[in-house]
Protein backbone atom coordinates (compact mmCIF):
# COMPACT_ATOMS: atom_id res chain seq x y z
CA MET A 1 64.86 -31.15 17.26
CA ILE A 2 63.17 -33.32 14.60
CA GLU A 3 61.32 -36.56 15.26
CA ILE A 4 60.06 -38.50 12.26
CA LYS A 5 57.83 -41.33 13.43
CA ARG A 6 56.88 -44.17 11.04
CA LEU A 7 56.29 -41.72 8.21
CA CYS A 8 54.45 -43.00 5.11
CA VAL A 9 53.88 -40.83 2.04
CA ASP A 10 51.96 -42.19 -0.96
CA LEU A 11 52.32 -40.18 -4.16
CA GLY A 12 50.80 -42.87 -6.35
CA GLU A 13 53.84 -43.58 -8.51
CA PHE A 14 56.10 -43.58 -5.44
CA VAL A 15 55.70 -44.58 -1.79
CA LEU A 16 57.90 -43.52 1.11
CA ASN A 17 57.41 -46.30 3.61
CA ASP A 18 57.74 -46.37 7.42
CA VAL A 19 60.63 -43.90 7.87
CA SER A 20 61.67 -43.06 11.43
CA LEU A 21 64.50 -40.65 12.22
CA SER A 22 65.64 -38.45 15.07
CA ILE A 23 67.76 -35.37 14.29
CA ASP A 24 69.39 -33.35 17.06
CA GLU A 25 69.50 -29.57 17.44
CA GLY A 26 72.42 -28.07 15.49
CA GLU A 27 73.17 -31.27 13.59
CA TYR A 28 74.28 -31.43 9.96
CA PHE A 29 72.28 -34.46 8.89
CA ILE A 30 72.62 -36.06 5.45
CA ILE A 31 69.93 -37.99 3.57
CA LEU A 32 71.91 -40.13 1.12
CA GLY A 33 70.68 -42.35 -1.68
CA PRO A 34 70.51 -42.93 -5.44
CA THR A 35 68.23 -41.10 -7.83
CA GLY A 36 64.60 -42.08 -7.24
CA ALA A 37 65.23 -43.38 -3.72
CA GLY A 38 62.80 -40.94 -2.06
CA LYS A 39 65.20 -38.33 -0.67
CA THR A 40 63.41 -35.28 -2.04
CA VAL A 41 60.01 -36.76 -1.17
CA LEU A 42 61.15 -37.01 2.46
CA LEU A 43 62.54 -33.46 2.42
CA GLU A 44 59.36 -31.99 0.96
CA SER A 45 57.22 -33.97 3.39
CA ILE A 46 59.13 -32.44 6.31
CA ALA A 47 58.55 -29.01 4.76
CA GLY A 48 54.82 -29.76 4.49
CA LEU A 49 54.68 -29.92 0.70
CA ASN A 50 53.47 -33.54 0.44
CA PRO A 51 50.37 -35.13 1.98
CA ILE A 52 51.22 -37.66 4.70
CA ARG A 53 49.34 -40.96 4.65
CA SER A 54 50.41 -42.00 8.15
CA GLY A 55 53.02 -41.28 10.80
CA GLU A 56 54.01 -38.08 12.56
CA LEU A 57 56.44 -35.17 12.25
CA TRP A 58 57.60 -33.38 15.39
CA LEU A 59 59.67 -30.18 15.44
CA ARG A 60 61.09 -28.95 18.75
CA GLY A 61 58.51 -30.89 20.72
CA HIS A 62 55.53 -29.78 18.62
CA ASN A 63 53.55 -32.06 16.34
CA VAL A 64 53.64 -30.31 12.93
CA THR A 65 52.21 -33.21 10.88
CA ASN A 66 49.20 -31.17 9.81
CA VAL A 67 50.63 -27.67 10.22
CA GLU A 68 50.75 -25.43 7.12
CA PRO A 69 54.21 -25.14 5.48
CA GLU A 70 54.54 -21.40 6.16
CA LYS A 71 54.01 -21.97 9.90
CA ARG A 72 56.74 -24.59 10.34
CA HIS A 73 59.69 -22.13 10.42
CA ILE A 74 61.48 -24.23 7.82
CA SER A 75 63.39 -23.01 4.75
CA ILE A 76 64.24 -25.12 1.71
CA VAL A 77 66.89 -24.64 -1.00
CA TYR A 78 66.62 -26.61 -4.23
CA GLN A 79 69.30 -27.72 -6.67
CA ASP A 80 68.10 -25.25 -9.34
CA HIS A 81 67.98 -22.31 -6.86
CA VAL A 82 64.41 -21.21 -7.88
CA LEU A 83 65.30 -17.52 -7.78
CA PHE A 84 62.64 -15.14 -9.12
CA PRO A 85 64.01 -14.04 -12.53
CA HIS A 86 62.04 -10.76 -12.61
CA MET A 87 63.52 -9.62 -9.27
CA THR A 88 66.98 -8.34 -8.39
CA VAL A 89 69.09 -10.22 -5.86
CA LYS A 90 68.05 -7.72 -3.19
CA GLU A 91 64.37 -8.21 -4.00
CA ASN A 92 64.80 -11.99 -3.92
CA LEU A 93 66.38 -11.75 -0.48
CA LEU A 94 63.65 -9.49 0.88
CA PHE A 95 60.76 -11.55 -0.50
CA GLY A 96 60.43 -13.90 2.49
CA LEU A 97 60.67 -11.03 4.98
CA LYS A 98 57.88 -9.15 3.21
CA MET A 99 55.73 -12.28 3.33
CA GLN A 100 56.24 -12.22 7.10
CA HIS A 101 55.03 -8.58 7.13
CA LEU A 102 58.13 -7.32 8.91
CA SER A 103 58.72 -3.59 9.18
CA VAL A 104 61.11 -1.88 6.75
CA GLU A 105 63.58 -1.44 9.59
CA GLU A 106 63.46 -5.15 10.45
CA GLN A 107 63.80 -6.07 6.78
CA ASN A 108 66.90 -3.92 6.37
CA GLU A 109 68.41 -5.26 9.57
CA ASN A 110 68.02 -8.86 8.37
CA LEU A 111 69.18 -7.95 4.87
CA ASN A 112 72.39 -6.34 6.16
CA TRP A 113 73.01 -9.36 8.39
CA VAL A 114 72.69 -11.94 5.61
CA VAL A 115 74.58 -9.85 3.03
CA ASP A 116 77.51 -9.52 5.43
CA LEU A 117 77.35 -13.21 6.38
CA MET A 118 77.29 -14.43 2.77
CA GLY A 119 79.57 -11.75 1.33
CA ILE A 120 77.14 -10.86 -1.48
CA ASP A 121 76.93 -7.06 -1.18
CA ARG A 122 78.22 -6.57 -4.75
CA LEU A 123 75.41 -8.77 -6.12
CA LEU A 124 72.41 -6.90 -4.68
CA HIS A 125 71.45 -4.99 -7.82
CA ARG A 126 72.12 -7.87 -10.24
CA ASN A 127 69.45 -10.02 -11.88
CA PRO A 128 69.64 -13.83 -11.34
CA GLU A 129 70.34 -14.57 -15.02
CA THR A 130 73.61 -12.59 -14.79
CA LEU A 131 74.92 -14.69 -11.87
CA SER A 132 77.23 -17.70 -12.01
CA GLY A 133 76.09 -21.05 -10.61
CA GLY A 134 77.98 -20.49 -7.37
CA GLU A 135 76.60 -16.96 -6.97
CA LYS A 136 73.04 -18.20 -7.53
CA GLN A 137 73.53 -20.85 -4.88
CA LYS A 138 74.86 -18.30 -2.38
CA VAL A 139 71.88 -16.03 -3.02
CA ALA A 140 69.48 -18.98 -2.67
CA LEU A 141 71.10 -19.90 0.66
CA GLY A 142 70.93 -16.26 1.77
CA ARG A 143 67.23 -16.06 0.89
CA ALA A 144 66.61 -19.26 2.88
CA ILE A 145 68.34 -18.16 6.07
CA ILE A 146 67.31 -14.47 6.06
CA THR A 147 64.02 -15.48 7.69
CA ARG A 148 66.06 -17.18 10.46
CA PRO A 149 64.43 -20.62 10.14
CA GLU A 150 64.62 -23.30 12.83
CA LEU A 151 65.54 -25.86 10.17
CA LEU A 152 67.27 -25.50 6.80
CA LEU A 153 66.55 -28.12 4.12
CA VAL A 154 68.93 -28.31 1.14
CA ASP A 155 68.18 -30.55 -1.84
CA GLU A 156 71.21 -31.57 -3.95
CA PRO A 157 72.77 -28.07 -3.58
CA LEU A 158 76.10 -29.00 -5.21
CA SER A 159 75.21 -31.42 -7.99
CA ALA A 160 74.81 -28.82 -10.78
CA LEU A 161 78.08 -27.02 -10.00
CA ASP A 162 81.55 -27.41 -11.49
CA PRO A 163 84.20 -28.97 -9.16
CA GLU A 164 85.79 -25.69 -8.03
CA THR A 165 82.45 -23.98 -7.38
CA ARG A 166 81.17 -27.11 -5.64
CA GLU A 167 84.11 -26.93 -3.22
CA ASN A 168 83.43 -23.23 -2.53
CA VAL A 169 79.72 -23.77 -1.82
CA GLN A 170 80.59 -26.78 0.35
CA GLN A 171 82.81 -24.50 2.44
CA GLU A 172 79.96 -21.96 2.57
CA LEU A 173 77.62 -24.61 3.99
CA ARG A 174 80.20 -25.59 6.63
CA HIS A 175 80.62 -21.92 7.52
CA LEU A 176 76.86 -21.38 7.91
CA HIS A 177 76.52 -24.49 10.04
CA ARG A 178 79.38 -23.52 12.37
CA THR A 179 78.56 -19.81 12.55
CA LEU A 180 74.81 -20.06 13.08
CA GLY A 181 74.60 -23.43 14.84
CA LEU A 182 71.83 -24.10 12.34
CA THR A 183 70.18 -27.52 12.03
CA ILE A 184 70.66 -28.59 8.40
CA LEU A 185 69.06 -31.51 6.58
CA HIS A 186 70.96 -32.06 3.34
CA VAL A 187 69.92 -34.40 0.52
CA THR A 188 72.56 -35.81 -1.85
CA HIS A 189 73.47 -38.84 -3.94
CA ASP A 190 77.20 -38.08 -3.60
CA PHE A 191 78.88 -40.21 -0.94
CA GLU A 192 82.03 -38.05 -0.74
CA GLU A 193 79.84 -34.98 -0.19
CA ALA A 194 77.98 -36.80 2.59
CA ILE A 195 81.21 -37.87 4.32
CA SER A 196 82.66 -34.36 4.08
CA LEU A 197 79.67 -32.49 5.53
CA GLY A 198 77.54 -34.81 7.61
CA THR A 199 77.63 -35.42 11.35
CA ARG A 200 75.25 -38.33 10.71
CA ILE A 201 73.90 -40.01 7.59
CA ALA A 202 70.71 -41.87 6.73
CA VAL A 203 70.85 -44.02 3.60
CA ILE A 204 67.55 -44.38 1.72
CA GLY A 205 66.72 -46.83 -1.07
CA ASP A 206 63.40 -47.62 -2.77
CA GLY A 207 61.50 -45.45 -0.32
CA ARG A 208 62.88 -47.19 2.78
CA LEU A 209 65.45 -46.28 5.38
CA MET A 210 68.35 -48.71 4.85
CA GLN A 211 70.87 -47.59 7.49
CA GLU A 212 71.51 -44.68 9.84
CA GLY A 213 74.75 -43.77 11.59
CA THR A 214 77.89 -41.66 11.64
CA PRO A 215 79.89 -41.31 8.40
CA GLU A 216 82.41 -43.77 9.84
CA GLU A 217 79.70 -46.35 10.58
CA ILE A 218 78.19 -46.09 7.11
CA PHE A 219 81.62 -46.03 5.47
CA ARG A 220 83.22 -48.87 7.42
CA HIS A 221 80.30 -50.97 8.62
CA PRO A 222 77.53 -51.15 6.00
CA ASN A 223 74.63 -53.33 7.12
CA SER A 224 73.62 -54.55 3.66
CA GLU A 225 74.89 -55.10 0.15
CA PHE A 226 72.86 -52.07 -0.98
CA VAL A 227 74.64 -49.73 1.45
CA ALA A 228 78.04 -51.33 0.81
CA ARG A 229 77.73 -50.82 -2.94
CA PHE A 230 76.42 -47.28 -2.58
CA ALA A 231 79.34 -46.46 -0.28
CA MET A 232 81.70 -47.56 -3.07
CA THR A 233 83.07 -50.47 -1.07
CA ARG A 234 83.60 -52.32 -4.39
CA ASN A 235 84.79 -55.58 -2.78
CA ILE A 236 81.68 -57.50 -1.70
CA PHE A 237 81.54 -61.29 -1.44
CA GLN A 238 79.23 -64.03 -0.31
CA GLY A 239 80.85 -66.87 1.62
CA THR A 240 81.02 -68.77 4.88
CA ALA A 241 82.62 -67.78 8.19
CA LYS A 242 83.94 -70.57 10.42
CA ARG A 243 86.17 -71.16 13.43
CA LYS A 244 89.35 -73.17 12.91
CA ALA A 245 91.09 -75.59 15.28
CA ASP A 246 93.79 -73.02 16.09
CA GLY A 247 91.12 -70.61 17.40
CA SER A 248 91.19 -68.22 14.44
CA THR A 249 88.13 -67.33 12.35
CA VAL A 250 88.19 -67.33 8.57
CA PHE A 251 85.84 -66.25 5.82
CA ARG A 252 85.88 -68.70 2.94
CA VAL A 253 85.12 -67.52 -0.60
CA ASN A 254 85.32 -70.44 -3.02
CA ASP A 255 88.76 -71.94 -2.24
CA THR A 256 90.29 -68.86 -0.59
CA GLU A 257 90.23 -68.25 3.17
CA PHE A 258 90.54 -64.74 4.58
CA VAL A 259 91.43 -64.38 8.27
CA ILE A 260 88.83 -62.15 9.96
CA ALA A 261 88.72 -60.39 13.31
CA VAL A 262 85.17 -61.30 14.39
CA GLU A 263 83.94 -64.55 15.91
CA LEU A 264 81.00 -65.29 13.64
CA GLU A 265 80.02 -68.44 11.82
CA GLY A 266 77.71 -69.33 8.96
CA SER A 267 76.74 -67.87 5.60
CA ARG A 268 77.50 -64.15 5.42
CA HIS A 269 78.42 -61.31 3.10
CA ALA A 270 81.82 -59.63 3.51
CA SER A 271 83.16 -56.29 2.32
CA ILE A 272 86.69 -54.84 2.09
CA ARG A 273 87.29 -51.21 1.17
CA PRO A 274 89.76 -50.68 -1.72
CA GLU A 275 91.90 -48.25 0.28
CA ASP A 276 92.45 -50.92 2.97
CA ILE A 277 94.25 -53.25 0.56
CA LEU A 278 97.99 -52.77 0.01
CA ILE A 279 99.44 -53.82 -3.32
CA SER A 280 103.13 -54.69 -3.66
CA SER A 281 105.58 -56.43 -5.98
CA GLU A 282 106.88 -58.63 -3.13
CA PRO A 283 105.22 -60.06 0.01
CA LEU A 284 105.06 -57.45 2.76
CA ARG A 285 106.43 -58.01 6.24
CA SER A 286 103.69 -56.65 8.47
CA SER A 287 101.22 -57.56 11.18
CA ALA A 288 98.47 -57.94 8.55
CA ARG A 289 97.24 -61.53 8.57
CA ASN A 290 96.10 -61.68 4.95
CA CYS A 291 98.64 -61.69 2.13
CA PHE A 292 97.95 -63.34 -1.23
CA PRO A 293 99.63 -63.54 -4.64
CA ALA A 294 97.40 -62.15 -7.40
CA THR A 295 97.39 -61.13 -11.04
CA ILE A 296 96.26 -57.68 -12.21
CA THR A 297 93.21 -57.99 -14.44
CA ASN A 298 92.08 -54.37 -14.82
CA VAL A 299 93.30 -50.80 -14.30
CA LEU A 300 90.74 -47.99 -13.86
CA ASP A 301 92.29 -44.50 -14.10
CA ARG A 302 90.63 -41.82 -11.94
CA GLY A 303 93.26 -39.13 -12.43
CA SER A 304 95.20 -38.68 -9.20
CA THR A 305 94.22 -42.19 -8.07
CA LEU A 306 93.66 -45.53 -9.81
CA TYR A 307 91.64 -48.63 -8.99
CA ILE A 308 93.63 -51.80 -9.57
CA THR A 309 91.70 -55.07 -9.85
CA ALA A 310 93.73 -58.21 -9.14
CA ASP A 311 92.61 -61.83 -9.13
CA ILE A 312 93.55 -64.15 -6.23
CA PRO A 313 90.77 -65.48 -6.85
CA PRO A 314 88.37 -63.86 -6.01
CA GLU A 315 89.06 -60.52 -7.67
CA LEU A 316 89.82 -57.62 -5.32
CA SER A 317 89.90 -53.92 -6.15
CA CYS A 318 92.48 -51.74 -4.41
CA LEU A 319 93.16 -48.01 -4.54
CA VAL A 320 96.63 -46.60 -5.34
CA THR A 321 98.05 -43.14 -5.97
CA ARG A 322 99.42 -42.28 -9.40
CA GLN A 323 102.92 -42.10 -7.92
CA SER A 324 102.67 -45.66 -6.55
CA PHE A 325 101.19 -46.85 -9.84
CA GLN A 326 104.12 -45.47 -11.79
CA GLU A 327 106.81 -46.57 -9.32
CA MET A 328 105.59 -50.18 -9.29
CA GLU A 329 104.95 -50.18 -13.05
CA LEU A 330 101.54 -51.72 -12.54
CA GLN A 331 99.75 -53.06 -15.60
CA GLU A 332 97.36 -55.82 -16.61
CA GLY A 333 98.94 -59.28 -16.34
CA LYS A 334 101.54 -58.23 -13.72
CA LYS A 335 102.02 -60.54 -10.71
CA VAL A 336 101.56 -58.72 -7.38
CA TYR A 337 100.73 -59.33 -3.71
CA LEU A 338 97.62 -58.06 -1.92
CA THR A 339 97.87 -57.46 1.83
CA PHE A 340 95.17 -56.41 4.30
CA LYS A 341 94.36 -56.68 7.99
CA ALA A 342 91.84 -59.12 9.43
CA SER A 343 89.97 -56.10 10.87
CA SER A 344 89.56 -54.66 7.37
CA ILE A 345 87.01 -57.36 6.53
CA HIS A 346 83.48 -56.39 7.55
CA LEU A 347 80.78 -59.08 7.76
CA PHE A 348 77.03 -58.56 7.43
CA ASP A 349 73.98 -60.74 6.88
């Protein structure tokens, strides 16, 4: 569907450098990264809105690197919707069809299709300033797909919405993807959003592609400290992996040795996700090969869940529910045990 080959974009104050990606037909692909990483620059370059210094863009087997934006059959939806304030919702929806010089009959046919699909019939005669954030986003999505594009680009579509509306629009995006089989390229800085929607994810930082893979691969097997931290792994250490006389492999951090499930040796980084660490008042009887006494040093309240930091040493952060937190009476200074499997420790260079 989309082939991005060694793409370089130089905007003076920012450079997107040597990005190569392949996106399949019908995929929901996520571009993930922090603010200023180059996500929107990449999206707009695919749409033809930025000059390309080098590299190529292919869409369905055609080289579109130098093709005008309006001839690429691509639609883009921005975070701030960009609805025309002087037009009604109906006029906003019809704008792209009129630019394509479709007949009135064809315009009405497409309008009825998208209104029914998006459930926005009651909004047609409203002006954009009278709409809620969620309604504006639905209209913006409707205007983007009414022209039946081959590719839909969405740039931070949920970031300006309240939590309930964000959930509703997220469901709308899933519905559009499933119903239309549409190829969607979605830019976000929200890792939970990426995990929830994406079939594959590309992580971008400082204008470079850092890692590409399934949500599970990015989530469980980050290839760098940058990706691990952005994926909210929290527990990241530098140490040494070595084989022991009994055949096991350990990862040594200062004076503590963690049993690991991979046969690697030498200086490495290691990461352990907070949700993979069990916290208890007494040692657990389980098949997990790592169990250490620790002292709670910090409690971070996130509402329904809490992050508990406990010092072995090193310090490890684990995730608990509010119910578990209350039942165990966890607090700073309390002595606890941290338990986790050898396979929960991921090593990278």
